[in-house]
N, C-alpha and C. Protein backbone atom coordinates (compact mmCIF):
# COMPACT_ATOMS: atom_id res chain seq x y z
N ALA A 1 -5.25 -3.94 22.19
CA ALA A 1 -6.46 -3.18 22.00
C ALA A 1 -6.16 -1.72 21.71
N TYR A 2 -5.05 -1.21 22.19
CA TYR A 2 -4.74 0.21 22.02
C TYR A 2 -3.65 0.45 20.99
N ALA A 3 -3.31 -0.57 20.23
CA ALA A 3 -2.28 -0.44 19.20
C ALA A 3 -2.91 -0.04 17.88
N ASP A 4 -2.10 0.58 17.03
CA ASP A 4 -2.56 0.89 15.68
C ASP A 4 -1.56 0.34 14.68
N TYR A 5 -1.73 0.69 13.42
CA TYR A 5 -0.89 0.11 12.38
C TYR A 5 0.57 0.49 12.55
N ASN A 6 0.88 1.61 13.17
CA ASN A 6 2.28 1.96 13.43
C ASN A 6 2.92 0.98 14.39
N ASP A 7 2.17 0.59 15.42
CA ASP A 7 2.68 -0.41 16.37
C ASP A 7 2.90 -1.75 15.69
N VAL A 8 2.00 -2.11 14.78
CA VAL A 8 2.13 -3.38 14.07
C VAL A 8 3.34 -3.34 13.12
N MET A 9 3.60 -2.19 12.49
CA MET A 9 4.81 -2.07 11.66
C MET A 9 6.06 -2.25 12.51
N ASN A 10 6.09 -1.62 13.69
CA ASN A 10 7.24 -1.77 14.58
C ASN A 10 7.44 -3.23 14.98
N LEU A 11 6.36 -3.89 15.34
CA LEU A 11 6.42 -5.31 15.73
C LEU A 11 6.90 -6.17 14.56
N THR A 12 6.39 -5.89 13.37
CA THR A 12 6.74 -6.66 12.17
C THR A 12 8.22 -6.54 11.85
N GLU A 13 8.74 -5.30 11.83
CA GLU A 13 10.15 -5.14 11.47
C GLU A 13 11.05 -5.75 12.54
N ASP A 14 10.67 -5.65 13.81
CA ASP A 14 11.47 -6.27 14.87
C ASP A 14 11.45 -7.79 14.74
N LEU A 15 10.28 -8.35 14.46
CA LEU A 15 10.16 -9.80 14.30
C LEU A 15 11.03 -10.30 13.15
N ILE A 16 10.90 -9.68 12.00
CA ILE A 16 11.66 -10.14 10.82
C ILE A 16 13.15 -9.92 11.04
N TYR A 17 13.53 -8.79 11.59
CA TYR A 17 14.95 -8.53 11.87
C TYR A 17 15.51 -9.61 12.79
N ASN A 18 14.77 -9.94 13.86
CA ASN A 18 15.25 -10.95 14.80
C ASN A 18 15.32 -12.34 14.19
N VAL A 19 14.39 -12.67 13.30
CA VAL A 19 14.45 -13.96 12.62
C VAL A 19 15.69 -14.03 11.73
N VAL A 20 15.94 -12.96 10.97
CA VAL A 20 17.13 -12.92 10.11
C VAL A 20 18.39 -13.05 10.95
N GLN A 21 18.45 -12.34 12.08
CA GLN A 21 19.60 -12.43 13.00
C GLN A 21 19.78 -13.85 13.52
N GLU A 22 18.69 -14.46 13.94
CA GLU A 22 18.75 -15.81 14.52
C GLU A 22 19.20 -16.85 13.50
N VAL A 23 18.69 -16.73 12.27
CA VAL A 23 18.98 -17.73 11.24
C VAL A 23 20.36 -17.53 10.63
N THR A 24 20.75 -16.26 10.38
CA THR A 24 22.01 -16.01 9.66
C THR A 24 23.12 -15.48 10.54
N GLY A 25 22.79 -14.98 11.72
CA GLY A 25 23.80 -14.38 12.58
C GLY A 25 24.15 -12.96 12.17
N GLU A 26 23.48 -12.44 11.19
CA GLU A 26 23.74 -11.08 10.69
C GLU A 26 22.43 -10.37 10.40
N SER A 27 22.54 -9.06 10.13
CA SER A 27 21.34 -8.30 9.80
C SER A 27 21.17 -8.13 8.29
N LYS A 28 22.17 -8.60 7.55
CA LYS A 28 22.12 -8.49 6.09
C LYS A 28 22.22 -9.87 5.47
N ILE A 29 21.53 -10.02 4.34
CA ILE A 29 21.64 -11.25 3.57
C ILE A 29 21.90 -10.88 2.12
N VAL A 30 22.39 -11.85 1.37
CA VAL A 30 22.50 -11.67 -0.07
C VAL A 30 21.50 -12.60 -0.72
N TYR A 31 20.62 -12.02 -1.53
CA TYR A 31 19.58 -12.79 -2.20
C TYR A 31 19.65 -12.47 -3.68
N GLN A 32 19.86 -13.49 -4.50
CA GLN A 32 19.98 -13.35 -5.94
C GLN A 32 20.96 -12.24 -6.31
N GLY A 33 22.09 -12.22 -5.59
CA GLY A 33 23.15 -11.26 -5.88
C GLY A 33 22.92 -9.87 -5.32
N GLN A 34 21.84 -9.66 -4.61
CA GLN A 34 21.49 -8.34 -4.06
C GLN A 34 21.59 -8.38 -2.54
N GLU A 35 22.38 -7.47 -1.95
CA GLU A 35 22.45 -7.39 -0.50
C GLU A 35 21.18 -6.69 0.03
N ILE A 36 20.57 -7.33 1.01
CA ILE A 36 19.36 -6.78 1.63
C ILE A 36 19.66 -6.61 3.12
N ASP A 37 19.45 -5.38 3.59
CA ASP A 37 19.76 -5.01 4.96
C ASP A 37 18.46 -4.90 5.77
N PHE A 38 18.28 -5.80 6.73
CA PHE A 38 17.08 -5.82 7.55
C PHE A 38 17.19 -4.99 8.82
N THR A 39 18.29 -4.23 8.95
CA THR A 39 18.46 -3.37 10.12
C THR A 39 17.28 -2.42 10.24
N THR A 40 16.81 -2.24 11.46
CA THR A 40 15.68 -1.34 11.69
C THR A 40 16.19 0.06 12.02
N PRO A 41 15.39 1.09 11.82
CA PRO A 41 14.03 1.07 11.28
C PRO A 41 14.04 0.97 9.76
N TRP A 42 12.98 0.37 9.23
CA TRP A 42 12.83 0.26 7.79
C TRP A 42 12.24 1.55 7.23
N LYS A 43 12.46 1.75 5.96
CA LYS A 43 11.89 2.91 5.28
C LYS A 43 10.36 2.80 5.31
N ARG A 44 9.70 3.94 5.52
CA ARG A 44 8.24 4.02 5.48
C ARG A 44 7.89 5.13 4.50
N VAL A 45 7.09 4.79 3.50
CA VAL A 45 6.78 5.75 2.44
C VAL A 45 5.36 5.50 1.94
N THR A 46 4.67 6.56 1.58
CA THR A 46 3.30 6.40 1.10
C THR A 46 3.27 5.92 -0.34
N MET A 47 2.16 5.29 -0.69
CA MET A 47 1.95 4.84 -2.06
C MET A 47 1.97 6.04 -3.01
N VAL A 48 1.35 7.14 -2.61
CA VAL A 48 1.33 8.35 -3.44
C VAL A 48 2.76 8.83 -3.72
N ASP A 49 3.61 8.86 -2.70
CA ASP A 49 4.99 9.31 -2.89
C ASP A 49 5.79 8.37 -3.79
N LEU A 50 5.57 7.07 -3.66
CA LEU A 50 6.27 6.12 -4.53
C LEU A 50 5.85 6.26 -5.98
N VAL A 51 4.57 6.46 -6.22
CA VAL A 51 4.09 6.65 -7.59
C VAL A 51 4.66 7.95 -8.16
N LYS A 52 4.68 8.98 -7.36
CA LYS A 52 5.26 10.25 -7.80
C LYS A 52 6.74 10.08 -8.15
N GLU A 53 7.48 9.35 -7.31
CA GLU A 53 8.90 9.12 -7.54
C GLU A 53 9.17 8.28 -8.78
N HIS A 54 8.42 7.20 -8.95
CA HIS A 54 8.74 6.24 -10.02
C HIS A 54 7.95 6.44 -11.31
N ALA A 55 6.82 7.14 -11.24
CA ALA A 55 6.01 7.35 -12.45
C ALA A 55 5.88 8.82 -12.82
N GLY A 56 6.25 9.69 -11.89
CA GLY A 56 6.15 11.12 -12.16
C GLY A 56 4.73 11.66 -12.15
N VAL A 57 3.80 10.92 -11.55
CA VAL A 57 2.41 11.36 -11.47
C VAL A 57 2.07 11.56 -9.99
N ASP A 58 1.55 12.74 -9.67
CA ASP A 58 1.25 13.07 -8.27
C ASP A 58 -0.24 12.87 -7.99
N PHE A 59 -0.58 11.70 -7.46
CA PHE A 59 -1.98 11.41 -7.14
C PHE A 59 -2.45 12.20 -5.92
N GLY A 60 -1.53 12.85 -5.23
CA GLY A 60 -1.94 13.74 -4.14
C GLY A 60 -2.66 14.97 -4.67
N GLN A 61 -2.49 15.25 -5.97
CA GLN A 61 -3.12 16.41 -6.61
C GLN A 61 -4.28 16.03 -7.52
N ILE A 62 -4.48 14.73 -7.74
CA ILE A 62 -5.54 14.29 -8.66
C ILE A 62 -6.81 14.01 -7.87
N THR A 63 -7.85 14.77 -8.16
CA THR A 63 -9.14 14.58 -7.49
C THR A 63 -10.25 14.27 -8.49
N ASP A 64 -9.90 14.27 -9.77
CA ASP A 64 -10.88 14.06 -10.83
C ASP A 64 -10.63 12.70 -11.48
N LEU A 65 -11.67 11.86 -11.54
CA LEU A 65 -11.53 10.53 -12.11
C LEU A 65 -11.09 10.58 -13.57
N ALA A 66 -11.62 11.51 -14.33
CA ALA A 66 -11.26 11.61 -15.75
C ALA A 66 -9.77 11.91 -15.89
N GLU A 67 -9.24 12.74 -15.02
CA GLU A 67 -7.80 13.04 -15.06
C GLU A 67 -6.97 11.80 -14.71
N ALA A 68 -7.41 11.05 -13.71
CA ALA A 68 -6.70 9.83 -13.32
C ALA A 68 -6.70 8.82 -14.47
N ARG A 69 -7.83 8.68 -15.14
CA ARG A 69 -7.92 7.77 -16.30
C ARG A 69 -7.01 8.24 -17.43
N ALA A 70 -6.97 9.55 -17.67
CA ALA A 70 -6.11 10.10 -18.73
C ALA A 70 -4.65 9.85 -18.41
N GLN A 71 -4.27 10.00 -17.16
CA GLN A 71 -2.88 9.73 -16.75
C GLN A 71 -2.53 8.25 -16.96
N ALA A 72 -3.47 7.37 -16.65
CA ALA A 72 -3.24 5.93 -16.84
C ALA A 72 -3.05 5.61 -18.32
N LYS A 73 -3.89 6.18 -19.15
CA LYS A 73 -3.78 5.94 -20.59
C LYS A 73 -2.45 6.45 -21.12
N LYS A 74 -2.07 7.65 -20.70
CA LYS A 74 -0.81 8.26 -21.12
C LYS A 74 0.40 7.42 -20.69
N ALA A 75 0.31 6.83 -19.49
CA ALA A 75 1.43 6.06 -18.94
C ALA A 75 1.42 4.59 -19.36
N GLY A 76 0.36 4.16 -20.03
CA GLY A 76 0.27 2.76 -20.43
C GLY A 76 -0.07 1.82 -19.30
N VAL A 77 -0.79 2.32 -18.30
CA VAL A 77 -1.19 1.51 -17.15
C VAL A 77 -2.58 0.95 -17.43
N ASP A 78 -2.69 -0.38 -17.38
CA ASP A 78 -3.98 -1.04 -17.63
C ASP A 78 -4.92 -0.83 -16.46
N ILE A 79 -6.12 -0.34 -16.77
CA ILE A 79 -7.15 -0.18 -15.74
C ILE A 79 -8.47 -0.69 -16.30
N GLU A 80 -9.39 -0.97 -15.39
CA GLU A 80 -10.72 -1.41 -15.78
C GLU A 80 -11.70 -0.25 -15.68
N ASP A 81 -12.81 -0.36 -16.39
CA ASP A 81 -13.83 0.70 -16.37
C ASP A 81 -14.35 0.98 -14.97
N SER A 82 -14.34 -0.03 -14.11
CA SER A 82 -14.90 0.12 -12.76
C SER A 82 -13.94 0.82 -11.79
N PHE A 83 -12.69 1.03 -12.19
CA PHE A 83 -11.70 1.60 -11.28
C PHE A 83 -12.01 3.05 -10.96
N GLY A 84 -11.93 3.37 -9.65
CA GLY A 84 -11.94 4.75 -9.20
C GLY A 84 -10.51 5.23 -9.07
N ILE A 85 -10.33 6.42 -8.54
CA ILE A 85 -8.99 6.99 -8.42
C ILE A 85 -8.08 6.10 -7.56
N GLY A 86 -8.62 5.55 -6.47
CA GLY A 86 -7.81 4.70 -5.59
C GLY A 86 -7.27 3.46 -6.27
N LYS A 87 -8.11 2.80 -7.05
CA LYS A 87 -7.65 1.60 -7.78
C LYS A 87 -6.68 1.98 -8.88
N ILE A 88 -6.86 3.14 -9.48
CA ILE A 88 -5.91 3.60 -10.51
C ILE A 88 -4.56 3.89 -9.86
N LEU A 89 -4.57 4.54 -8.70
CA LEU A 89 -3.32 4.78 -7.96
C LEU A 89 -2.62 3.45 -7.69
N ASN A 90 -3.36 2.46 -7.22
CA ASN A 90 -2.77 1.15 -6.93
C ASN A 90 -2.21 0.51 -8.20
N ALA A 91 -2.90 0.66 -9.32
CA ALA A 91 -2.39 0.12 -10.58
C ALA A 91 -1.08 0.78 -10.97
N PHE A 92 -0.96 2.08 -10.75
CA PHE A 92 0.31 2.79 -11.00
C PHE A 92 1.40 2.24 -10.09
N PHE A 93 1.08 2.06 -8.81
CA PHE A 93 2.05 1.52 -7.86
C PHE A 93 2.56 0.16 -8.31
N GLU A 94 1.64 -0.72 -8.66
CA GLU A 94 2.03 -2.07 -9.08
C GLU A 94 2.83 -2.03 -10.38
N HIS A 95 2.51 -1.13 -11.28
CA HIS A 95 3.16 -1.04 -12.58
C HIS A 95 4.56 -0.43 -12.48
N PHE A 96 4.71 0.62 -11.68
CA PHE A 96 5.96 1.39 -11.68
C PHE A 96 6.85 1.21 -10.46
N ALA A 97 6.30 0.94 -9.29
CA ALA A 97 7.10 1.03 -8.07
C ALA A 97 7.36 -0.29 -7.35
N GLU A 98 6.40 -1.16 -7.33
CA GLU A 98 6.47 -2.34 -6.47
C GLU A 98 7.77 -3.13 -6.64
N GLU A 99 8.13 -3.44 -7.86
CA GLU A 99 9.31 -4.29 -8.09
C GLU A 99 10.62 -3.58 -7.74
N LYS A 100 10.58 -2.27 -7.53
CA LYS A 100 11.79 -1.51 -7.21
C LYS A 100 12.06 -1.45 -5.71
N LEU A 101 11.17 -2.01 -4.91
CA LEU A 101 11.33 -1.98 -3.46
C LEU A 101 12.19 -3.16 -3.02
N ILE A 102 13.49 -3.01 -3.16
CA ILE A 102 14.43 -4.09 -2.84
C ILE A 102 14.70 -4.16 -1.34
N GLN A 103 15.07 -3.04 -0.74
CA GLN A 103 15.33 -3.01 0.71
C GLN A 103 14.00 -3.04 1.46
N PRO A 104 14.00 -3.57 2.68
CA PRO A 104 12.76 -3.64 3.46
C PRO A 104 12.08 -2.26 3.55
N THR A 105 10.84 -2.22 3.12
CA THR A 105 10.09 -0.96 3.04
C THR A 105 8.64 -1.20 3.43
N PHE A 106 8.12 -0.27 4.22
CA PHE A 106 6.69 -0.27 4.51
C PHE A 106 6.03 0.76 3.60
N VAL A 107 5.08 0.30 2.81
CA VAL A 107 4.29 1.20 1.98
C VAL A 107 3.02 1.48 2.77
N THR A 108 2.72 2.77 2.94
CA THR A 108 1.57 3.19 3.73
C THR A 108 0.63 4.03 2.86
N GLY A 109 -0.48 4.42 3.45
CA GLY A 109 -1.41 5.29 2.74
C GLY A 109 -2.12 4.61 1.59
N TYR A 110 -2.71 3.45 1.87
CA TYR A 110 -3.46 2.74 0.84
C TYR A 110 -4.83 3.38 0.65
N PRO A 111 -5.31 3.46 -0.59
CA PRO A 111 -6.62 4.05 -0.83
C PRO A 111 -7.74 3.26 -0.16
N LYS A 112 -8.74 3.98 0.29
CA LYS A 112 -9.91 3.36 0.92
C LYS A 112 -10.58 2.39 -0.06
N GLU A 113 -10.53 2.73 -1.34
CA GLU A 113 -11.19 1.93 -2.37
C GLU A 113 -10.69 0.49 -2.41
N ILE A 114 -9.44 0.26 -2.00
CA ILE A 114 -8.89 -1.11 -2.02
C ILE A 114 -8.64 -1.64 -0.61
N SER A 115 -9.13 -0.92 0.39
CA SER A 115 -8.87 -1.29 1.79
C SER A 115 -10.16 -1.22 2.60
N PRO A 116 -11.12 -2.07 2.31
CA PRO A 116 -12.45 -1.92 2.92
C PRO A 116 -12.51 -2.15 4.43
N LEU A 117 -11.52 -2.79 5.00
CA LEU A 117 -11.57 -3.08 6.43
C LEU A 117 -10.65 -2.20 7.26
N ALA A 118 -9.90 -1.29 6.60
CA ALA A 118 -8.94 -0.45 7.30
C ALA A 118 -9.55 0.89 7.68
N LYS A 119 -9.14 1.38 8.82
CA LYS A 119 -9.61 2.67 9.33
C LYS A 119 -9.13 3.80 8.41
N SER A 120 -9.98 4.78 8.21
CA SER A 120 -9.61 5.95 7.40
C SER A 120 -8.51 6.74 8.09
N SER A 121 -7.64 7.31 7.29
CA SER A 121 -6.57 8.16 7.81
C SER A 121 -7.15 9.47 8.32
N LYS A 122 -6.60 9.97 9.40
CA LYS A 122 -7.03 11.27 9.93
C LYS A 122 -6.58 12.40 9.01
N ASP A 123 -5.51 12.17 8.24
CA ASP A 123 -4.96 13.21 7.36
C ASP A 123 -5.67 13.30 6.02
N ASP A 124 -6.23 12.18 5.55
CA ASP A 124 -6.87 12.15 4.23
C ASP A 124 -7.96 11.08 4.26
N SER A 125 -9.20 11.49 4.18
CA SER A 125 -10.33 10.56 4.32
C SER A 125 -10.41 9.53 3.20
N GLU A 126 -9.71 9.74 2.09
CA GLU A 126 -9.71 8.77 0.99
C GLU A 126 -8.61 7.72 1.14
N MET A 127 -7.75 7.89 2.14
CA MET A 127 -6.67 6.95 2.42
C MET A 127 -6.93 6.25 3.74
N THR A 128 -6.20 5.16 3.96
CA THR A 128 -6.40 4.39 5.18
C THR A 128 -5.10 4.23 5.95
N ASP A 129 -5.25 3.81 7.19
CA ASP A 129 -4.11 3.48 8.05
C ASP A 129 -3.77 2.01 7.80
N ARG A 130 -3.14 1.78 6.67
CA ARG A 130 -2.80 0.43 6.23
C ARG A 130 -1.36 0.43 5.73
N PHE A 131 -0.70 -0.72 5.85
CA PHE A 131 0.63 -0.88 5.29
C PHE A 131 0.78 -2.25 4.66
N GLU A 132 1.73 -2.34 3.77
CA GLU A 132 2.26 -3.61 3.29
C GLU A 132 3.77 -3.48 3.35
N SER A 133 4.44 -4.55 3.75
CA SER A 133 5.90 -4.51 3.74
C SER A 133 6.40 -5.25 2.50
N PHE A 134 7.45 -4.70 1.91
CA PHE A 134 8.03 -5.27 0.70
C PHE A 134 9.53 -5.49 0.89
N VAL A 135 10.02 -6.58 0.34
CA VAL A 135 11.44 -6.87 0.26
C VAL A 135 11.67 -7.53 -1.08
N PHE A 136 12.66 -7.08 -1.80
CA PHE A 136 13.03 -7.62 -3.10
C PHE A 136 11.82 -7.63 -4.06
N GLY A 137 11.05 -6.55 -4.00
CA GLY A 137 9.92 -6.40 -4.90
C GLY A 137 8.74 -7.29 -4.61
N ARG A 138 8.74 -7.90 -3.44
CA ARG A 138 7.66 -8.82 -3.09
C ARG A 138 7.02 -8.42 -1.77
N GLU A 139 5.71 -8.56 -1.72
CA GLU A 139 5.00 -8.25 -0.48
C GLU A 139 5.24 -9.35 0.54
N LEU A 140 5.63 -8.94 1.75
CA LEU A 140 5.81 -9.89 2.85
C LEU A 140 4.56 -9.99 3.71
N CYS A 141 3.93 -8.85 3.98
CA CYS A 141 2.77 -8.87 4.86
C CYS A 141 1.93 -7.62 4.65
N ASN A 142 0.76 -7.66 5.24
CA ASN A 142 -0.23 -6.60 5.10
C ASN A 142 -0.84 -6.39 6.49
N GLY A 143 -1.00 -5.13 6.88
CA GLY A 143 -1.62 -4.85 8.16
C GLY A 143 -2.31 -3.51 8.14
N PHE A 144 -3.19 -3.29 9.11
CA PHE A 144 -3.93 -2.05 9.13
C PHE A 144 -4.56 -1.83 10.50
N SER A 145 -4.94 -0.58 10.75
CA SER A 145 -5.77 -0.28 11.91
C SER A 145 -7.19 -0.64 11.51
N GLU A 146 -7.82 -1.45 12.32
CA GLU A 146 -9.14 -1.98 11.97
C GLU A 146 -10.21 -0.91 11.98
N LEU A 147 -11.02 -0.92 10.94
CA LEU A 147 -12.16 -0.02 10.85
C LEU A 147 -13.17 -0.41 11.92
N ASN A 148 -13.45 0.52 12.83
CA ASN A 148 -14.40 0.22 13.89
C ASN A 148 -15.53 1.25 13.96
N ASP A 149 -15.71 1.99 12.89
CA ASP A 149 -16.82 2.95 12.78
C ASP A 149 -17.94 2.25 12.01
N PRO A 150 -19.04 1.91 12.67
CA PRO A 150 -20.08 1.13 12.01
C PRO A 150 -20.74 1.85 10.83
N ILE A 151 -20.83 3.15 10.88
CA ILE A 151 -21.44 3.89 9.78
C ILE A 151 -20.53 3.85 8.55
N ASP A 152 -19.24 4.10 8.76
CA ASP A 152 -18.26 4.02 7.66
C ASP A 152 -18.23 2.60 7.10
N GLN A 153 -18.27 1.60 7.98
CA GLN A 153 -18.27 0.20 7.55
C GLN A 153 -19.46 -0.09 6.64
N LYS A 154 -20.64 0.34 7.05
CA LYS A 154 -21.84 0.10 6.26
C LYS A 154 -21.72 0.76 4.89
N GLU A 155 -21.24 2.01 4.84
CA GLU A 155 -21.09 2.72 3.57
C GLU A 155 -20.12 1.98 2.63
N ARG A 156 -19.04 1.46 3.19
CA ARG A 156 -18.06 0.73 2.36
C ARG A 156 -18.64 -0.58 1.85
N PHE A 157 -19.36 -1.30 2.69
CA PHE A 157 -19.96 -2.56 2.24
C PHE A 157 -21.01 -2.31 1.17
N LEU A 158 -21.80 -1.27 1.32
CA LEU A 158 -22.79 -0.93 0.29
C LEU A 158 -22.11 -0.56 -1.02
N LYS A 159 -20.97 0.11 -0.93
CA LYS A 159 -20.20 0.45 -2.13
C LYS A 159 -19.71 -0.83 -2.82
N GLN A 160 -19.27 -1.80 -2.03
CA GLN A 160 -18.83 -3.07 -2.60
C GLN A 160 -19.98 -3.80 -3.28
N VAL A 161 -21.16 -3.78 -2.68
CA VAL A 161 -22.34 -4.40 -3.28
C VAL A 161 -22.65 -3.73 -4.60
N GLU A 162 -22.55 -2.42 -4.62
CA GLU A 162 -22.80 -1.64 -5.85
C GLU A 162 -21.78 -2.01 -6.94
N GLU A 163 -20.52 -2.13 -6.56
CA GLU A 163 -19.49 -2.50 -7.52
C GLU A 163 -19.75 -3.90 -8.09
N ARG A 164 -20.11 -4.82 -7.21
CA ARG A 164 -20.38 -6.19 -7.67
C ARG A 164 -21.56 -6.21 -8.63
N ALA A 165 -22.59 -5.45 -8.32
CA ALA A 165 -23.76 -5.36 -9.21
C ALA A 165 -23.38 -4.76 -10.57
N GLY A 166 -22.33 -3.94 -10.55
CA GLY A 166 -21.84 -3.32 -11.78
C GLY A 166 -20.85 -4.21 -12.55
N GLY A 167 -20.62 -5.43 -12.05
CA GLY A 167 -19.76 -6.36 -12.79
C GLY A 167 -18.38 -6.57 -12.20
N ASN A 168 -18.04 -5.90 -11.10
CA ASN A 168 -16.73 -6.07 -10.48
C ASN A 168 -16.82 -7.20 -9.46
N GLU A 169 -16.38 -8.37 -9.83
CA GLU A 169 -16.46 -9.52 -8.92
C GLU A 169 -15.45 -9.43 -7.81
């Protein structure tokens, strides 16, 4: 009851590390010719930082939807008309960074726009306390601090209804 997404990340990395140890007797494995080291702690990095590193676009500085759309067009990232800045950031992440996450990594700081059930971050109200873990460019799991503010919850659900009415299934 008193845990948050940081506690769940700690539990997740310990669980996976111990399973790898139990099955292989080691903390490292070789998968498709690539050595993967499950030793803890795993790297933790925000989606914004990964996009900045791999695409050269700093979504921490983008607050205008038109600018985000222009950056997507310039970078060749496919987006839909219904996408806000958060969904565009996620499209950049999937296009440029996701497959490069070979070693166990927790990606944090998911946009509220794609995380309707996650609690808002205290540091940035447009981001959430959510993570996904990646190994060898693939998502292993997803976790978050649960949104328990009923007013915020209602606003997000109404936004989803609005998006659906606008054609976003």
